[in-house]
Protein backbone atom coordinates (compact mmCIF):
# COMPACT_ATOMS: atom_id res chain seq x y z
CA MET A 1 -9.99 -33.51 4.93
CA ASN A 2 -9.51 -36.09 7.58
CA LYS A 3 -6.07 -38.13 8.43
CA ASN A 4 -7.82 -40.73 6.73
CA SER A 5 -8.05 -39.56 3.25
CA PHE A 6 -4.53 -38.57 3.69
CA LEU A 7 -3.72 -42.01 4.40
CA ALA A 8 -5.47 -43.09 1.42
CA ARG A 9 -2.96 -41.33 -0.78
CA ARG A 10 -0.49 -42.54 0.99
CA GLU A 11 -1.74 -45.97 0.03
CA SER A 12 -2.33 -45.21 -3.57
CA LEU A 13 1.34 -43.72 -3.74
CA ARG A 14 2.67 -47.07 -1.98
CA LYS A 15 1.57 -48.82 -5.45
CA LEU A 16 3.24 -46.25 -7.37
CA MET A 17 6.16 -47.09 -5.23
CA GLN A 18 5.99 -50.81 -5.94
CA GLU A 19 5.81 -50.42 -9.22
CA GLU A 20 8.92 -48.68 -9.22
CA LYS A 21 10.91 -50.89 -6.58
CA LEU A 22 11.16 -48.41 -4.21
CA ASP A 23 11.22 -49.47 -0.33
CA THR A 24 11.15 -45.81 0.67
CA LEU A 25 10.07 -42.57 -0.95
CA LEU A 26 11.33 -38.99 0.09
CA ILE A 27 8.63 -36.47 -0.74
CA SER A 28 9.93 -33.00 -0.11
CA GLN A 29 8.15 -30.60 -2.73
CA PRO A 30 5.52 -28.57 -0.87
CA ALA A 31 2.45 -29.36 -2.64
CA ASN A 32 2.94 -32.97 -2.78
CA ARG A 33 3.89 -33.05 0.89
CA PHE A 34 0.72 -31.68 1.75
CA TYR A 35 -1.22 -33.76 -0.44
CA LEU A 36 -0.30 -36.92 1.47
CA SER A 37 -0.20 -35.35 4.66
CA GLY A 38 -2.20 -32.16 5.54
CA PHE A 39 1.25 -30.43 6.70
CA GLU A 40 2.51 -26.85 5.75
CA LEU A 41 1.39 -26.27 1.74
CA HIS A 42 4.29 -23.54 1.41
CA ASP A 43 7.89 -23.46 2.35
CA CYS A 44 8.41 -19.85 4.17
CA GLN A 45 11.89 -19.12 1.32
CA CYS A 46 12.85 -20.44 -2.03
CA ASN A 47 15.93 -21.42 0.11
CA GLU A 48 14.58 -23.15 2.69
CA SER A 49 12.41 -25.95 3.49
CA SER A 50 9.69 -27.31 6.37
CA GLY A 51 10.80 -30.76 6.11
CA CYS A 52 9.93 -33.73 4.08
CA LEU A 53 7.53 -36.98 4.30
CA ILE A 54 9.49 -40.43 4.57
CA ILE A 55 6.90 -42.69 2.61
CA ARG A 56 7.59 -46.74 3.24
CA ALA A 57 6.37 -49.78 1.83
CA ASP A 58 5.87 -51.18 5.00
CA GLY A 59 3.59 -48.53 5.71
CA LYS A 60 5.63 -47.00 8.47
CA ASP A 61 5.87 -43.45 7.61
CA TRP A 62 7.40 -40.33 9.09
CA LEU A 63 7.27 -36.75 9.08
CA CYS A 64 10.39 -34.78 9.23
CA THR A 65 10.37 -31.28 9.99
CA ASP A 66 12.45 -28.46 12.22
CA SER A 67 11.55 -27.17 15.92
CA ARG A 68 9.76 -24.34 14.52
CA TYR A 69 7.21 -26.59 13.15
CA GLU A 70 7.20 -29.08 16.18
CA GLU A 71 4.00 -28.72 17.86
CA ALA A 72 1.81 -28.57 14.39
CA ALA A 73 3.63 -32.00 13.58
CA LEU A 74 2.83 -33.46 16.81
CA THR A 75 -0.87 -32.37 16.40
CA LEU A 76 -1.07 -33.83 13.20
CA TRP A 77 0.90 -37.06 12.86
CA GLU A 78 1.47 -40.28 15.17
CA ASN A 79 4.31 -38.79 17.56
CA ASP A 80 7.02 -41.51 17.30
CA ARG A 81 6.93 -41.18 14.06
CA VAL A 82 7.98 -37.16 13.98
CA PHE A 83 11.74 -36.48 13.32
CA ILE A 84 12.70 -32.82 14.51
CA TYR A 85 16.09 -31.88 13.05
CA ARG A 86 17.98 -29.67 14.61
CA GLY A 87 20.90 -28.66 12.50
CA ARG A 88 21.79 -29.28 9.43
CA PHE A 89 18.67 -31.13 7.25
CA SER A 90 20.13 -32.78 4.90
CA GLU A 91 23.00 -34.57 7.25
CA GLU A 92 20.71 -35.56 10.38
CA LEU A 93 18.22 -36.92 7.66
CA ASN A 94 21.32 -38.79 6.43
CA GLY A 95 21.45 -40.22 9.71
CA HIS A 96 17.73 -40.85 10.18
CA LEU A 97 17.20 -42.71 6.86
CA LYS A 98 20.57 -45.03 7.90
CA ASP A 99 18.58 -45.94 10.73
CA LEU A 100 15.18 -46.97 9.49
CA ALA A 101 15.53 -47.35 5.79
CA SER A 102 16.99 -50.27 3.83
CA GLY A 103 16.80 -50.97 0.17
CA ARG A 104 16.49 -48.63 -2.60
CA ILE A 105 14.92 -45.05 -1.89
CA GLY A 106 13.42 -42.52 -4.27
CA PHE A 107 13.70 -38.90 -4.03
CA GLU A 108 11.96 -35.99 -6.17
CA ALA A 109 15.23 -34.56 -8.07
CA GLU A 110 13.42 -31.86 -9.85
CA HIS A 111 12.71 -30.46 -6.18
CA LEU A 112 15.78 -30.59 -4.82
CA SER A 113 19.33 -29.00 -5.17
CA CYS A 114 22.24 -31.17 -6.17
CA GLY A 115 23.86 -29.68 -2.84
CA PHE A 116 21.40 -31.01 -0.73
CA VAL A 117 21.47 -34.38 -2.55
CA GLN A 118 25.26 -34.96 -2.29
CA ARG A 119 25.24 -34.41 1.46
CA LEU A 120 21.94 -36.83 1.81
CA GLU A 121 23.49 -39.75 -0.56
CA PRO A 122 26.20 -40.75 1.19
CA GLY A 123 25.87 -44.55 2.61
CA LEU A 124 22.04 -44.61 0.80
CA ASP A 125 21.17 -46.13 -2.33
CA MET A 126 19.23 -42.98 -3.90
CA GLN A 127 17.26 -42.81 -6.94
CA ALA A 128 15.56 -39.82 -8.53
CA ALA A 129 11.73 -41.11 -8.80
CA ASP A 130 10.15 -37.92 -9.79
CA GLY A 131 6.25 -37.38 -10.94
CA LEU A 132 4.78 -40.02 -8.98
CA ALA A 133 2.64 -37.87 -6.54
CA GLU A 134 2.15 -35.44 -9.18
CA ARG A 135 0.26 -38.56 -11.02
CA LEU A 136 -2.01 -39.03 -8.33
CA ARG A 137 -2.78 -35.40 -8.11
CA MET A 138 -3.69 -35.14 -11.39
CA VAL A 139 -6.97 -36.52 -10.95
CA LYS A 140 -8.93 -34.60 -8.13
CA ASP A 141 -11.70 -36.36 -5.94
CA ALA A 142 -14.96 -35.35 -5.12
CA GLU A 143 -13.94 -32.83 -1.96
CA GLU A 144 -11.02 -31.42 -4.05
CA ILE A 145 -13.69 -30.70 -6.94
CA GLN A 146 -16.15 -29.08 -4.55
CA CYS A 147 -12.77 -27.01 -3.07
CA ILE A 148 -11.79 -25.62 -6.26
CA GLU A 149 -15.41 -24.93 -7.70
CA THR A 150 -15.95 -23.13 -4.31
CA SER A 151 -12.56 -20.91 -5.66
CA VAL A 152 -13.78 -20.55 -8.71
CA ALA A 153 -17.31 -19.26 -7.93
CA LEU A 154 -15.33 -16.95 -5.72
CA ASN A 155 -13.23 -15.38 -9.23
CA HIS A 156 -16.57 -15.33 -11.22
CA ARG A 157 -17.74 -12.97 -8.22
CA MET A 158 -14.66 -11.07 -8.87
CA LEU A 159 -14.96 -10.73 -12.29
CA GLU A 160 -18.70 -9.54 -12.52
CA TRP A 161 -17.13 -6.92 -9.78
CA LEU A 162 -14.04 -5.95 -11.78
CA PRO A 163 -15.57 -3.85 -14.67
CA SER A 164 -17.20 -1.18 -12.61
CA ARG A 165 -13.43 -0.34 -11.23
CA LEU A 166 -12.06 -0.30 -14.95
CA GLU A 167 -12.26 3.08 -15.55
CA PRO A 168 -9.68 6.10 -17.32
CA GLY A 169 -6.93 7.11 -15.24
CA ARG A 170 -6.30 4.18 -13.00
CA THR A 171 -2.92 2.20 -13.49
CA GLU A 172 -2.49 -1.36 -13.83
CA ALA A 173 -1.10 -1.32 -10.50
CA ASP A 174 -4.16 0.08 -9.41
CA ILE A 175 -6.40 -2.50 -10.68
CA ALA A 176 -4.07 -5.61 -9.06
CA TRP A 177 -4.41 -3.81 -5.88
CA ASP A 178 -8.49 -3.77 -6.56
CA ILE A 179 -8.30 -7.71 -7.24
CA GLU A 180 -5.92 -8.60 -4.37
CA LYS A 181 -7.82 -6.41 -2.25
CA PHE A 182 -11.35 -8.02 -2.78
CA TYR A 183 -10.25 -11.82 -2.81
CA ARG A 184 -8.40 -10.86 0.84
CA GLU A 185 -12.10 -9.29 1.79
CA ASN A 186 -14.25 -12.24 0.52
CA GLY A 187 -12.48 -15.07 2.08
CA ALA A 188 -9.69 -15.89 -0.03
CA SER A 189 -6.39 -16.70 1.78
CA GLU A 190 -4.31 -15.15 -0.81
CA LEU A 191 -3.48 -15.25 -4.55
CA SER A 192 -2.55 -18.03 -6.83
CA PHE A 193 0.01 -16.21 -8.60
CA PRO A 194 0.64 -11.88 -8.93
CA SER A 195 -2.09 -10.85 -11.22
CA ILE A 196 -1.56 -10.02 -14.63
CA VAL A 197 -3.25 -6.44 -15.76
CA ALA A 198 -2.10 -5.36 -19.02
CA VAL A 199 -3.19 -2.25 -21.14
CA ASP A 200 -3.03 -2.00 -24.91
CA ALA A 201 0.48 -3.41 -26.41
CA ASN A 202 1.27 -4.80 -22.40
CA ALA A 203 -1.32 -7.09 -23.28
CA ALA A 204 0.59 -8.60 -26.40
CA LEU A 205 3.02 -10.18 -23.48
CA PRO A 206 1.13 -13.67 -22.11
CA HIS A 207 2.97 -13.07 -18.63
CA TYR A 208 3.69 -9.17 -18.37
CA ALA A 209 5.17 -7.78 -15.46
CA PRO A 210 4.88 -4.29 -15.30
CA GLU A 211 7.89 -1.97 -14.41
CA ASN A 212 6.35 1.42 -14.82
CA PRO A 213 2.35 0.56 -14.55
CA ALA A 214 0.11 2.17 -17.63
CA GLU A 215 -3.03 4.22 -17.19
CA LEU A 216 -5.97 3.03 -18.80
CA HIS A 217 -7.60 5.61 -20.85
CA GLU A 218 -10.62 5.80 -23.35
CA ASN A 219 -10.84 3.09 -26.24
CA CYS A 220 -8.38 0.78 -24.66
CA GLN A 221 -8.26 -2.60 -24.20
CA ILE A 222 -6.88 -4.80 -21.04
CA LEU A 223 -6.35 -8.27 -20.50
CA ILE A 224 -6.50 -9.86 -16.70
CA ASP A 225 -5.03 -12.96 -15.70
CA GLU A 226 -5.72 -13.61 -12.02
CA GLY A 227 -6.83 -15.90 -9.27
CA CYS A 228 -7.49 -16.90 -5.36
CA ARG A 229 -6.53 -19.85 -3.26
CA LEU A 230 -9.25 -20.72 -1.00
CA ASN A 231 -9.69 -23.44 1.04
CA ARG A 232 -5.75 -24.29 -0.24
CA TYR A 233 -7.00 -24.91 -3.61
CA CYS A 234 -6.81 -22.37 -6.54
CA SER A 235 -8.39 -20.93 -9.50
CA ASP A 236 -7.23 -19.45 -12.61
CA GLN A 237 -9.34 -17.43 -15.34
CA THR A 238 -8.23 -14.81 -18.08
CA ARG A 239 -10.65 -11.69 -19.32
CA THR A 240 -9.86 -9.41 -22.01
CA TRP A 241 -11.98 -6.28 -22.19
CA TRP A 242 -12.32 -3.04 -24.42
CA ILE A 243 -12.49 0.07 -22.36
CA GLY A 244 -15.16 2.48 -24.28
CA ASP A 245 -17.82 2.79 -26.33
CA SER A 246 -15.99 2.45 -29.62
CA ALA A 247 -14.17 -0.71 -29.97
CA ASP A 248 -11.67 -1.17 -32.62
CA PRO A 249 -12.53 -3.60 -35.14
CA ARG A 250 -9.49 -5.37 -34.97
CA PHE A 251 -9.66 -5.81 -31.35
CA SER A 252 -13.33 -7.27 -31.80
CA GLU A 253 -11.97 -9.77 -34.57
CA MET A 254 -9.19 -10.78 -32.67
CA LEU A 255 -11.46 -11.87 -29.28
CA SER A 256 -13.83 -13.36 -31.56
CA ARG A 257 -11.55 -15.53 -32.58
CA VAL A 258 -10.26 -16.42 -29.07
CA GLN A 259 -13.39 -17.31 -28.17
CA GLU A 260 -14.29 -19.61 -30.78
CA ALA A 261 -11.01 -21.31 -30.30
CA GLN A 262 -11.59 -21.98 -27.05
CA ARG A 263 -15.70 -22.74 -27.39
CA ARG A 264 -14.14 -25.59 -30.01
CA ALA A 265 -11.89 -26.81 -27.65
CA ILE A 266 -14.16 -26.98 -24.86
CA ALA A 267 -16.54 -29.02 -27.08
CA PHE A 268 -13.26 -31.19 -27.81
CA LEU A 269 -12.44 -32.24 -24.00
CA ARG A 270 -13.13 -35.75 -23.12
CA PRO A 271 -11.50 -38.47 -21.41
CA GLY A 272 -9.00 -40.59 -23.50
CA ILE A 273 -7.90 -37.56 -25.59
CA THR A 274 -4.43 -36.49 -25.02
CA GLY A 275 -3.37 -32.76 -24.02
CA ALA A 276 -1.77 -32.32 -27.26
CA GLN A 277 -5.01 -33.21 -29.02
CA ALA A 278 -6.65 -30.79 -27.21
CA HIS A 279 -4.14 -27.87 -27.76
CA GLU A 280 -4.55 -28.80 -31.51
CA THR A 281 -8.23 -27.93 -31.81
CA ALA A 282 -7.36 -24.23 -31.19
CA ALA A 283 -4.23 -24.48 -32.76
CA ALA A 284 -5.94 -25.68 -36.02
CA TYR A 285 -8.89 -23.11 -36.22
CA PHE A 286 -6.26 -20.43 -35.43
CA ALA A 287 -4.71 -21.35 -38.58
CA SER A 288 -7.55 -21.41 -40.64
CA CYS A 289 -7.78 -18.06 -39.80
CA GLY A 290 -4.68 -17.41 -41.02
CA VAL A 291 -3.45 -15.92 -37.22
CA SER A 292 -1.63 -19.33 -36.22
CA ARG A 293 2.04 -17.49 -35.65
CA TYR A 294 0.31 -15.05 -33.02
CA PHE A 295 -0.73 -18.18 -30.70
CA ASN A 296 2.35 -18.81 -28.73
CA HIS A 297 1.65 -20.75 -25.74
CA SER A 298 -0.10 -24.03 -24.85
CA LEU A 299 -3.86 -24.01 -24.79
CA GLY A 300 -3.98 -24.61 -21.25
CA HIS A 301 -2.85 -26.68 -17.61
CA GLY A 302 -4.55 -28.60 -14.78
CA VAL A 303 -4.93 -26.69 -11.41
CA GLY A 304 -5.76 -27.66 -8.00
CA LEU A 305 -2.99 -27.35 -4.95
CA GLU A 306 -0.81 -25.20 -7.14
CA THR A 307 -1.86 -23.02 -10.25
CA HIS A 308 0.28 -24.49 -12.95
CA GLU A 309 0.31 -28.62 -12.62
CA GLY A 310 -0.45 -31.86 -14.68
CA PRO A 311 -1.96 -32.54 -17.17
CA ARG A 312 -0.44 -30.28 -19.34
CA LEU A 313 -2.61 -29.50 -22.62
CA GLY A 314 0.03 -28.42 -24.99
CA PRO A 315 0.98 -29.32 -28.53
CA HIS A 316 3.78 -31.70 -27.45
CA SER A 317 1.72 -33.48 -24.16
CA LYS A 318 1.23 -37.04 -23.87
CA ASP A 319 -1.01 -36.70 -20.49
CA VAL A 320 -4.30 -38.38 -21.42
CA LEU A 321 -7.51 -37.06 -19.94
CA ARG A 322 -9.28 -38.88 -17.29
CA PRO A 323 -12.69 -37.89 -15.42
CA GLY A 324 -12.12 -35.76 -12.39
CA MET A 325 -9.05 -33.91 -14.14
CA ILE A 326 -9.61 -30.24 -13.97
CA VAL A 327 -7.64 -28.35 -16.32
CA THR A 328 -7.94 -24.33 -17.87
CA ILE A 329 -8.63 -23.31 -21.45
CA GLU A 330 -6.82 -20.62 -22.35
CA PRO A 331 -6.07 -19.68 -26.24
CA GLY A 332 -4.97 -16.24 -26.89
CA LEU A 333 -4.00 -14.01 -29.72
CA TYR A 334 -0.66 -11.75 -29.31
CA TYR A 335 0.22 -9.21 -31.74
CA PRO A 336 3.83 -7.45 -30.38
CA GLY A 337 3.33 -3.58 -30.50
CA TRP A 338 -0.20 -3.16 -30.33
CA GLY A 339 -2.25 -5.86 -28.24
CA GLY A 340 -3.50 -9.61 -27.24
CA ALA A 341 -6.20 -11.50 -26.20
CA ARG A 342 -6.80 -14.13 -23.99
CA TRP A 343 -10.10 -15.77 -22.56
CA GLU A 344 -9.49 -18.73 -19.93
CA HIS A 345 -12.23 -20.86 -18.28
CA MET A 346 -11.51 -23.70 -16.16
CA ALA A 347 -13.38 -27.21 -16.64
CA VAL A 348 -13.53 -30.63 -14.90
CA ILE A 349 -13.38 -33.26 -17.43
CA THR A 350 -16.23 -35.91 -16.94
CA GLU A 351 -17.16 -39.17 -18.30
CA ASP A 352 -18.76 -37.82 -21.23
CA GLY A 353 -17.02 -34.46 -21.92
CA CYS A 354 -16.28 -31.94 -19.70
CA ARG A 355 -18.00 -28.82 -17.16
CA VAL A 356 -17.06 -25.49 -17.46
CA LEU A 357 -16.78 -24.13 -13.71
């Protein structure tokens, strides 16, 4: 993406700022910061930041960062609007904002700590203004869709290769390493999230994280939820398999119901419906089968620079689907102490429906 793409996104953001009567907006959430500038998708640690953007109504935007990123910032941004802080970020940013900003300043309250805001706000008119950049990010442009399709294509390659590695005696940890190694060796920069590899009863935990990895054995079930980051964009898919020649009829029925719920949801997806309506399609089918109590999470979520972003496809979601949104469709059934199944695809919303990636 070139500088003009990022500038166009900031111009779209300025229109939202005008609606909110904001003269200035601080962007500190890492994915939002990258989306609007091309600078540093990830922060190094959860307790430190690579910096923020100051988005101004007059178009004179600033990139603020510390000396570790000075050279990178100067190659990316207009040099006379790069602010390098060398001490305490919040206090130096306070002084810089006093020098250049007047009027109401919005900030991403859900991302910043209370302590940071308390040090930042003296003498400034600060207002929480969450979700503005996220509203733009929900609808992907053509270049973003292409990047995500490339990430999903590598994901499909991995899923075609992986069954050859699912052999009795291998552990959940062995399979998770196979997945990460495949992605790294085939061009991905990293995983979208730590892979979930769950055997038998562990598959009843939708976000299972092993302490003592279980072994695969003859005639067992395995649920694998994984994804990669390629060209900055994520993929996210889940599959559930039976290992062995004699699938338990209970497993086969469970998986069949999950796949039918997904089929119905995909057929229903289109512009204009809400995330709650999409979720209800799968939930209603499970209810007709008498198994709704075993479906204990939302139908899906948006995917892009982050694995989980808007829109949400859940029972309370008011998000309205629009062309260009990319979502997961991942119904599941989970039986405590025995096992579970989830089947997940990603799809882009089109003008008259959706297209599975």
